[in-house]
Protein backbone atom coordinates (compact mmCIF):
# COMPACT_ATOMS: atom_id res chain seq x y z
CA MET A 1 218.17 6.37 -27.35
CA ALA A 2 216.08 8.19 -29.99
CA LYS A 3 212.88 6.58 -31.22
CA LYS A 4 212.86 5.10 -34.71
CA TYR A 5 209.20 5.36 -35.74
CA PHE A 6 207.33 7.48 -33.18
CA GLY A 7 207.56 11.28 -33.12
CA THR A 8 206.14 13.81 -30.65
CA ASP A 9 202.57 12.73 -31.45
CA GLY A 10 202.51 9.14 -32.72
CA ILE A 11 203.70 8.13 -36.18
CA ARG A 12 203.25 10.50 -39.10
CA GLY A 13 204.45 11.11 -42.64
CA THR A 14 203.60 11.18 -46.33
CA VAL A 15 201.49 8.27 -47.56
CA ASN A 16 203.36 5.57 -49.53
CA LYS A 17 206.70 7.09 -48.57
CA GLY A 18 208.88 5.97 -45.69
CA ASN A 19 206.81 4.21 -43.01
CA ILE A 20 203.31 5.29 -44.03
CA ASN A 21 202.20 2.40 -46.23
CA GLY A 22 200.18 -0.82 -46.00
CA ASP A 23 203.19 -3.04 -45.34
CA MET A 24 204.40 -0.98 -42.37
CA PHE A 25 200.89 -0.51 -40.97
CA PHE A 26 200.48 -4.28 -40.90
CA LYS A 27 203.72 -4.44 -38.88
CA PHE A 28 202.56 -1.61 -36.59
CA GLY A 29 199.29 -3.47 -35.98
CA LEU A 30 201.02 -6.77 -35.33
CA ALA A 31 203.53 -5.18 -32.94
CA ALA A 32 200.97 -3.09 -31.02
CA GLY A 33 198.57 -6.05 -30.87
CA THR A 34 201.32 -8.34 -29.56
CA PHE A 35 202.33 -5.84 -26.87
CA PHE A 36 198.82 -5.02 -25.60
CA LYS A 37 197.57 -8.61 -25.84
CA ASN A 38 200.16 -9.53 -23.23
CA GLN A 39 198.95 -6.79 -20.83
CA LYS A 40 195.45 -8.17 -20.34
CA LYS A 41 194.58 -11.86 -20.50
CA ASN A 42 190.77 -11.94 -20.58
CA LYS A 43 189.56 -9.70 -23.45
CA GLN A 44 191.71 -8.97 -26.49
CA ILE A 45 190.07 -5.86 -27.97
CA ALA A 46 191.38 -2.96 -30.06
CA ILE A 47 189.22 -0.12 -31.34
CA ILE A 48 190.10 1.98 -34.36
CA ALA A 49 188.87 5.40 -35.50
CA LYS A 50 190.15 7.66 -38.27
CA ASP A 51 189.83 11.05 -39.88
CA THR A 52 188.61 11.60 -43.46
CA ARG A 53 191.76 11.18 -45.58
CA LEU A 54 191.49 9.03 -48.69
CA SER A 55 194.51 7.03 -47.50
CA GLY A 56 192.49 5.82 -44.49
CA TYR A 57 190.87 3.27 -46.79
CA THR A 58 194.34 1.86 -47.55
CA LEU A 59 195.89 2.02 -44.10
CA GLU A 60 192.97 0.91 -41.92
CA PRO A 61 192.65 -2.60 -43.49
CA ALA A 62 196.42 -3.04 -43.15
CA ILE A 63 196.52 -2.25 -39.44
CA VAL A 64 193.36 -4.33 -38.85
CA SER A 65 195.11 -7.25 -40.54
CA GLY A 66 198.12 -6.83 -38.25
CA LEU A 67 195.98 -6.65 -35.12
CA THR A 68 193.84 -9.69 -35.98
CA SER A 69 196.99 -11.62 -36.94
CA ALA A 70 198.19 -10.96 -33.39
CA GLY A 71 194.92 -12.38 -32.06
CA MET A 72 193.19 -9.09 -31.24
CA HIS A 73 189.46 -8.56 -31.88
CA VAL A 74 188.89 -5.22 -33.60
CA PHE A 75 186.03 -2.73 -33.61
CA THR A 76 186.22 -0.04 -36.30
CA LEU A 77 184.38 3.23 -35.64
CA GLY A 78 184.96 5.26 -38.82
CA PRO A 79 185.50 9.06 -38.62
CA LEU A 80 185.57 10.18 -34.99
CA PRO A 81 187.50 12.88 -33.04
CA THR A 82 190.71 11.69 -31.41
CA ASN A 83 189.43 12.21 -27.87
CA GLY A 84 186.26 10.35 -28.80
CA LEU A 85 188.49 7.38 -29.56
CA ALA A 86 190.35 7.87 -26.25
CA MET A 87 187.09 8.08 -24.29
CA LEU A 88 185.61 5.00 -25.95
CA THR A 89 188.83 3.02 -25.45
CA LYS A 90 188.33 3.55 -21.72
CA SER A 91 184.52 3.11 -21.60
CA MET A 92 184.60 -0.06 -23.75
CA LYS A 93 187.43 -1.45 -21.59
CA ALA A 94 189.52 -2.13 -24.68
CA ASN A 95 193.19 -3.11 -24.50
CA MET A 96 194.10 -0.26 -26.83
CA GLY A 97 192.80 2.43 -29.16
CA ILE A 98 194.29 3.50 -32.48
CA MET A 99 193.52 6.77 -34.25
CA ILE A 100 194.49 6.86 -37.93
CA THR A 101 195.21 10.53 -38.56
CA ALA A 102 197.80 13.13 -39.44
CA SER A 103 195.96 15.77 -37.40
CA HIS A 104 196.42 19.26 -38.93
CA ASN A 105 198.66 18.06 -41.80
CA PRO A 106 197.52 18.07 -45.48
CA TYR A 107 195.56 15.13 -46.96
CA TYR A 108 198.65 13.43 -48.43
CA ASP A 109 200.04 12.74 -44.94
CA ASN A 110 198.70 10.18 -42.50
CA GLY A 111 199.74 8.37 -39.35
CA LEU A 112 198.78 6.82 -36.03
CA LYS A 113 198.08 7.93 -32.48
CA LEU A 114 198.02 5.07 -29.97
CA PHE A 115 196.16 4.98 -26.65
CA GLY A 116 196.38 2.55 -23.76
CA PRO A 117 193.39 1.07 -21.87
CA ASP A 118 193.33 4.15 -19.60
CA GLY A 119 192.67 6.39 -22.62
CA LEU A 120 196.13 7.98 -22.32
CA LYS A 121 198.68 8.38 -25.11
CA LEU A 122 201.58 5.97 -24.77
CA SER A 123 204.72 6.91 -22.90
CA ASP A 124 208.13 7.02 -24.61
CA LYS A 125 209.00 3.81 -22.73
CA ILE A 126 206.05 1.84 -24.18
CA GLU A 127 206.59 3.30 -27.67
CA LYS A 128 210.19 2.03 -27.58
CA LYS A 129 209.00 -1.46 -26.56
CA ILE A 130 206.56 -1.50 -29.50
CA GLU A 131 209.31 -0.31 -31.83
CA LYS A 132 211.43 -3.33 -30.84
CA LEU A 133 208.51 -5.62 -31.75
CA ILE A 134 208.05 -3.88 -35.12
CA ASP A 135 211.57 -4.86 -36.14
CA LYS A 136 211.31 -8.51 -35.02
CA LYS A 137 210.58 -11.34 -37.45
CA ILE A 138 206.88 -11.46 -38.32
CA ASP A 139 206.36 -15.25 -38.30
CA LYS A 140 207.20 -15.52 -34.59
CA ARG A 141 204.28 -13.25 -33.63
CA LEU A 142 201.51 -14.59 -35.88
CA SER A 143 198.62 -16.27 -34.04
CA ASN A 144 197.47 -19.84 -34.44
CA PRO A 145 194.63 -19.94 -37.08
CA LYS A 146 192.15 -20.82 -34.32
CA LYS A 147 193.13 -17.72 -32.32
CA LEU A 148 192.90 -15.05 -35.04
CA GLY A 149 190.88 -11.95 -34.15
CA ARG A 150 187.49 -10.94 -35.55
CA VAL A 151 186.46 -7.53 -36.93
CA LYS A 152 183.20 -5.63 -36.44
CA ARG A 153 182.12 -2.16 -37.55
CA LEU A 154 180.33 -0.02 -34.94
CA GLU A 155 178.16 2.77 -36.36
CA ASN A 156 177.32 4.57 -33.11
CA GLY A 157 180.77 5.91 -32.15
CA ASN A 158 179.88 9.59 -32.56
CA GLU A 159 176.63 9.22 -30.62
CA GLU A 160 178.41 7.50 -27.72
CA TYR A 161 181.15 10.15 -27.71
CA ILE A 162 178.55 12.97 -27.59
CA LYS A 163 176.78 11.25 -24.67
CA ILE A 164 180.04 11.04 -22.70
CA ILE A 165 180.87 14.72 -23.35
CA LYS A 166 177.42 15.97 -22.33
CA LYS A 167 177.57 14.05 -19.04
CA ASN A 168 180.28 16.49 -17.90
CA PHE A 169 177.76 19.34 -17.79
CA PRO A 170 174.46 19.86 -15.91
CA LYS A 171 171.39 18.31 -17.57
CA ASN A 172 169.71 21.70 -17.88
CA PHE A 173 172.64 23.23 -19.80
CA ASN A 174 171.55 24.36 -23.25
CA LEU A 175 172.61 26.74 -26.01
CA LYS A 176 169.20 28.08 -26.98
CA GLY A 177 169.48 31.60 -28.37
CA SER A 178 173.14 31.10 -29.35
CA LYS A 179 174.29 31.44 -32.93
CA ILE A 180 177.54 29.52 -33.43
CA VAL A 181 179.85 29.08 -36.40
CA ILE A 182 181.78 25.80 -36.41
CA ASP A 183 184.49 24.83 -38.91
CA CYS A 184 185.18 21.09 -38.76
CA ALA A 185 188.13 21.21 -41.22
CA ASN A 186 186.46 18.53 -43.38
CA GLY A 187 187.90 16.18 -40.80
CA ALA A 188 187.06 13.74 -38.02
CA GLY A 189 184.64 16.09 -36.23
CA TYR A 190 182.42 16.79 -39.25
CA LYS A 191 179.58 14.67 -37.85
CA SER A 192 179.90 15.09 -34.09
CA GLY A 193 180.65 18.84 -34.04
CA PRO A 194 177.41 20.21 -35.54
CA LYS A 195 175.37 17.36 -34.03
CA LEU A 196 176.57 18.15 -30.49
CA LEU A 197 175.82 21.88 -30.75
CA LYS A 198 172.41 21.35 -32.38
CA SER A 199 171.45 18.80 -29.70
CA LEU A 200 171.93 21.58 -27.13
CA GLY A 201 169.64 23.96 -29.03
CA ALA A 202 172.14 26.25 -30.77
CA LYS A 203 171.60 27.72 -34.20
CA VAL A 204 174.62 26.33 -36.05
CA ILE A 205 176.39 27.57 -39.17
CA SER A 206 178.59 24.65 -40.25
CA ILE A 207 181.73 24.88 -42.39
CA GLY A 208 184.09 22.09 -43.43
CA ILE A 209 181.53 19.28 -43.19
CA ASN A 210 181.87 17.90 -46.73
CA PRO A 211 185.01 15.74 -46.71
CA ASN A 212 186.07 14.23 -50.05
CA GLY A 213 189.33 12.59 -48.98
CA PHE A 214 191.45 15.50 -50.23
CA ASN A 215 190.08 18.65 -48.57
CA ILE A 216 190.89 17.94 -44.92
CA ASN A 217 192.54 21.08 -43.42
CA LYS A 218 192.58 22.72 -46.89
CA LYS A 219 192.05 26.44 -46.33
CA CYS A 220 189.82 25.60 -43.38
CA GLY A 221 190.01 24.51 -39.76
CA SER A 222 192.23 25.69 -36.92
CA THR A 223 195.23 26.35 -39.19
CA PHE A 224 193.09 28.69 -41.35
CA PRO A 225 190.90 30.64 -38.86
CA LYS A 226 190.06 33.35 -41.43
CA LYS A 227 187.17 31.09 -42.39
CA ILE A 228 185.39 31.46 -39.03
CA GLN A 229 186.33 35.15 -38.84
CA SER A 230 184.45 36.01 -42.03
CA ALA A 231 181.54 33.63 -41.23
CA VAL A 232 181.03 35.09 -37.72
CA LYS A 233 180.87 38.61 -39.17
CA LYS A 234 178.61 37.59 -42.07
CA HIS A 235 176.08 35.71 -39.91
CA LYS A 236 176.45 38.00 -36.86
CA ALA A 237 177.20 34.95 -34.74
CA HIS A 238 178.03 35.01 -31.03
CA ILE A 239 181.19 32.89 -31.40
CA GLY A 240 183.23 30.85 -33.87
CA ILE A 241 184.80 27.43 -33.28
CA SER A 242 187.52 26.00 -35.50
CA LEU A 243 188.76 22.41 -35.19
CA ASP A 244 191.66 20.64 -36.90
CA GLY A 245 191.63 17.41 -38.91
CA ASP A 246 191.23 15.09 -35.91
CA ALA A 247 189.35 17.63 -33.74
CA ASP A 248 191.83 17.61 -30.85
CA ARG A 249 192.66 21.30 -31.40
CA ILE A 250 190.51 24.40 -31.13
CA ILE A 251 190.97 28.01 -32.20
CA MET A 252 188.08 30.38 -31.52
CA CYS A 253 186.76 33.71 -32.73
CA ASP A 254 184.76 36.24 -30.69
CA GLU A 255 181.65 38.09 -31.88
CA ASN A 256 183.83 40.90 -33.29
CA GLY A 257 185.85 38.53 -35.48
CA SER A 258 188.99 38.56 -33.31
CA ILE A 259 190.90 35.27 -33.30
CA ILE A 260 191.38 33.63 -29.90
CA ASP A 261 194.31 31.20 -29.71
CA GLY A 262 194.98 28.37 -27.27
CA ASP A 263 196.87 30.55 -24.79
CA GLN A 264 193.94 32.96 -24.37
CA ILE A 265 191.50 30.04 -24.00
CA ILE A 266 193.71 28.46 -21.31
CA ALA A 267 193.95 31.79 -19.46
CA ALA A 268 190.16 32.26 -19.49
CA ILE A 269 189.51 28.74 -18.20
CA ALA A 270 192.25 28.99 -15.55
CA LYS A 271 190.84 32.28 -14.25
CA ARG A 272 187.28 30.88 -14.03
CA TRP A 273 188.36 27.55 -12.53
CA LYS A 274 190.38 29.35 -9.84
CA ILE A 275 187.38 31.50 -8.86
CA LYS A 276 185.13 28.41 -8.79
CA LYS A 277 187.81 26.46 -6.88
CA MET A 278 187.97 23.89 -9.69
CA LEU A 279 191.63 24.49 -10.60
CA ARG A 280 193.97 21.88 -9.16
CA GLY A 281 197.68 22.72 -8.84
CA GLY A 282 198.09 25.13 -11.72
CA VAL A 283 198.63 25.22 -15.48
CA ILE A 284 201.07 23.37 -17.73
CA GLY A 285 202.16 25.14 -20.92
CA THR A 286 204.97 24.46 -23.40
CA GLN A 287 208.10 26.20 -24.61
CA MET A 288 205.85 27.85 -27.25
CA SER A 289 203.37 29.35 -24.75
CA ASN A 290 203.26 33.14 -24.93
CA TYR A 291 205.10 34.98 -22.16
CA GLY A 292 201.96 37.08 -21.69
CA LEU A 293 200.15 33.93 -20.53
CA GLU A 294 202.89 33.14 -18.01
CA LYS A 295 202.86 36.72 -16.71
CA PHE A 296 199.04 36.74 -16.40
CA LEU A 297 198.90 33.44 -14.51
CA ARG A 298 201.67 34.40 -12.11
CA SER A 299 199.97 37.78 -11.43
CA ASN A 300 196.82 35.81 -10.52
CA LYS A 301 198.87 33.54 -8.23
CA ILE A 302 198.39 30.53 -10.49
CA LYS A 303 201.39 28.21 -10.85
CA PHE A 304 202.69 27.86 -14.40
CA LEU A 305 205.18 25.27 -15.64
CA ARG A 306 206.51 24.66 -19.15
CA THR A 307 207.26 21.36 -20.87
CA ASN A 308 208.25 20.13 -24.34
CA VAL A 309 205.95 20.80 -27.29
CA GLY A 310 203.30 18.09 -27.73
CA ASP A 311 200.08 17.48 -25.80
CA ARG A 312 201.39 14.09 -24.66
CA TYR A 313 204.20 15.85 -22.75
CA VAL A 314 201.69 18.34 -21.37
CA LYS A 315 199.56 15.49 -20.03
CA GLU A 316 202.57 13.70 -18.53
CA LYS A 317 203.62 16.85 -16.66
CA MET A 318 200.02 17.44 -15.54
CA GLN A 319 199.95 13.94 -14.06
CA LYS A 320 203.35 14.30 -12.43
CA ASN A 321 202.44 17.62 -10.76
CA LYS A 322 198.76 16.74 -10.19
CA PHE A 323 197.55 19.72 -12.25
CA ASN A 324 194.21 19.54 -14.09
CA LEU A 325 194.70 22.13 -16.85
CA GLY A 326 197.29 22.38 -19.58
CA GLY A 327 197.75 22.97 -23.27
CA GLU A 328 199.37 24.64 -26.21
CA GLN A 329 199.02 27.88 -28.11
CA SER A 330 198.04 25.83 -31.19
CA GLY A 331 194.79 24.83 -29.45
CA HIS A 332 195.67 21.43 -27.93
CA ILE A 333 194.03 21.94 -24.54
CA ILE A 334 193.61 19.22 -21.93
CA LEU A 335 190.86 19.59 -19.36
CA GLY A 336 192.16 17.06 -16.88
CA LYS A 337 188.90 17.17 -14.95
CA PHE A 338 187.13 15.63 -17.98
CA ALA A 339 189.59 14.16 -20.51
CA THR A 340 192.93 12.42 -21.04
CA THR A 341 193.93 14.26 -24.22
CA GLY A 342 193.13 17.40 -26.24
CA ASP A 343 189.51 17.76 -27.33
CA GLY A 344 188.32 20.76 -29.35
CA LEU A 345 184.61 20.07 -28.81
CA LEU A 346 184.94 19.52 -25.07
CA VAL A 347 186.90 22.78 -24.69
CA ALA A 348 184.29 24.56 -26.83
CA LEU A 349 181.51 23.34 -24.51
CA GLU A 350 183.46 24.47 -21.44
CA ILE A 351 183.75 27.98 -22.94
CA LEU A 352 180.10 28.02 -24.06
CA TYR A 353 179.04 26.91 -20.57
CA SER A 354 181.02 29.83 -19.14
CA LEU A 355 179.16 32.23 -21.47
CA ARG A 356 175.69 30.86 -20.67
CA LYS A 357 174.64 33.88 -18.58
CA GLY A 358 174.92 36.33 -21.45
CA LYS A 359 178.64 37.11 -21.27
CA LYS A 360 180.19 38.17 -24.56
CA ALA A 361 183.01 36.04 -25.96
CA SER A 362 185.15 39.17 -26.41
CA GLN A 363 184.88 39.95 -22.67
CA PHE A 364 185.55 36.42 -21.45
CA LEU A 365 188.26 35.29 -23.87
CA ASN A 366 190.58 38.31 -24.27
CA VAL A 367 192.19 37.87 -20.89
CA PHE A 368 195.80 39.07 -21.21
CA GLU A 369 197.99 41.22 -23.42
CA GLN A 370 200.12 38.98 -25.61
CA THR A 371 203.85 39.57 -25.95
CA PRO A 372 204.60 40.13 -29.68
CA GLN A 373 205.50 36.73 -31.07
CA ILE A 374 206.65 35.53 -34.49
CA LEU A 375 206.28 31.90 -35.55
CA GLU A 376 208.02 30.67 -38.71
CA ASN A 377 208.09 27.20 -40.25
CA ILE A 378 210.87 26.42 -42.69
CA THR A 379 210.50 23.31 -44.86
CA VAL A 380 213.79 21.39 -45.03
CA LYS A 381 215.07 18.19 -46.61
CA ASP A 382 216.86 17.15 -43.43
CA LYS A 383 215.75 18.37 -39.99
CA ASN A 384 219.25 17.64 -38.63
CA ILE A 385 220.35 20.89 -40.28
CA ILE A 386 219.53 22.35 -36.87
CA ASN A 387 222.75 20.70 -35.61
CA ASP A 388 224.92 22.23 -38.32
CA GLN A 389 227.63 24.43 -36.78
CA VAL A 390 226.82 27.43 -39.02
CA VAL A 391 223.14 27.21 -38.06
CA LYS A 392 224.05 26.82 -34.37
CA LYS A 393 226.17 29.99 -34.58
CA ALA A 394 223.28 31.91 -36.18
CA ILE A 395 220.86 30.75 -33.46
CA ASN A 396 223.35 31.71 -30.75
CA LYS A 397 223.90 35.13 -32.36
CA ALA A 398 220.14 35.77 -32.39
CA LYS A 399 219.80 34.67 -28.75
CA ILE A 400 222.61 37.01 -27.65
CA LEU A 401 220.98 39.94 -29.50
CA ILE A 402 217.58 39.39 -27.91
CA LYS A 403 218.89 38.44 -24.47
CA ALA A 404 217.11 40.15 -21.53
CA GLN A 405 214.44 41.53 -23.88
CA GLY A 406 212.86 38.34 -25.17
CA ARG A 407 213.52 34.75 -26.17
CA ILE A 408 214.14 32.58 -29.22
CA LEU A 409 213.22 28.91 -29.59
CA VAL A 410 214.33 26.83 -32.59
CA ARG A 411 213.27 23.20 -32.82
CA LYS A 412 212.60 20.33 -35.19
CA SER A 413 208.95 19.65 -35.91
CA GLY A 414 207.95 16.28 -34.50
CA THR A 415 205.29 15.80 -37.17
CA GLU A 416 206.51 17.48 -40.39
CA PRO A 417 209.78 18.03 -42.35
CA LYS A 418 210.14 21.51 -40.90
CA ILE A 419 212.26 23.61 -38.56
CA ARG A 420 210.06 25.75 -36.34
CA ILE A 421 211.29 29.15 -35.14
CA MET A 422 209.52 31.06 -32.38
CA GLY A 423 210.60 34.47 -31.16
CA GLU A 424 209.09 36.75 -28.49
CA CYS A 425 210.02 40.34 -27.74
CA LYS A 426 208.29 43.68 -27.12
CA ASN A 427 210.86 45.25 -29.44
CA LYS A 428 209.33 44.09 -32.75
CA LYS A 429 212.19 45.41 -34.93
CA LEU A 430 214.76 43.48 -32.90
CA LEU A 431 212.55 40.38 -33.02
CA ILE A 432 212.25 40.51 -36.82
CA LYS A 433 216.02 40.99 -37.13
CA CYS A 434 216.77 37.94 -34.96
CA ILE A 435 214.30 35.70 -36.80
CA LYS A 436 215.77 36.84 -40.15
CA ILE A 437 219.31 35.84 -39.07
CA ILE A 438 218.18 32.26 -38.34
CA ARG A 439 215.84 31.93 -41.35
CA LYS A 440 218.47 33.17 -43.81
CA THR A 441 221.10 30.76 -42.45
CA ILE A 442 218.80 27.71 -42.54
CA LYS A 443 217.57 28.49 -46.06
């Protein structure tokens, strides 16, 4: 049975439309609080972080009200990267963690990512149980007035997150002599990103650190890497780092201004980890991972498995197969040795640690030749258009044309009102033709 509220990465949509409003966030808080309260009898604690969207000021009080009405005590952390929230959920031994964010989406969207006490995103099974509670009558789940939860603001969330990250590396590791550009997308990492790099001695050129509630991801961050490209060239920096709105993605740029996507970063880490005997099992990618990555890993005798798009599915498959590295081309990369979910800053440190002996980013990060790939996003009123018979015929026609030379993947976005088309083929003309057939039919 399909889920009603949760998508591929939590709950997400346009603010004050559909489910993204104060009324529904109260219900989400009450339902999640009721479910997690019953999992652990001694402490009843939820922690909440958010990105920098204006709507956070509307939605956070609503979900806090729902949680405290369920009898949960709540700690609010303010703007903090998603994996910071996951790490602190585990270290504070909380029942649950809630991240209020719409990740890489524009400011007018918002949503939720929920984490269990282990710091992991919730499984489909748990999300469905919470959905059932959302739709139940409210009065049956409200706590006795004596058992209502309390709320406290914690101001040291970013500092604690930075401490946890730095513990994963030797005490003598530093970035002295490094010039680094970081674009924080005017999002959740705008404090911790520059602070972390400066604490290690790097000279830091910071972009996207002036959030105003509306400029999150706006012509900046991992979805707009041109910003770090031009800044790296201008300042003659050694490397560029670009995060998204909740800092769980990373796209990089080498010293020459060449963009390095998630697939290349995964390949570089996998190669190093195998040499250092740190790689466990192999690598998990998704249906969107470039074929060049798969070919490279297999040629280096590294197992490679694909799963559905979404870092939650990557993590689930990593756990199932006991792998400790996985991720997506978009920059969601999970270092299973250190984290339970994607973390742009943690991945950045792993790369910077690998470059500490004077290696150039261009040498370390351009690992394999990418198969030509086209990605297209088509905004639609109804994502179920993908099931229309005419559209299905067009997709099938394109797949037959490209068969044996490449592949086509057409899917609904789990986070936006879009149909995503991905095509791969060394024959670029054929690839463009196949994509055009599908695009024209959908439009």
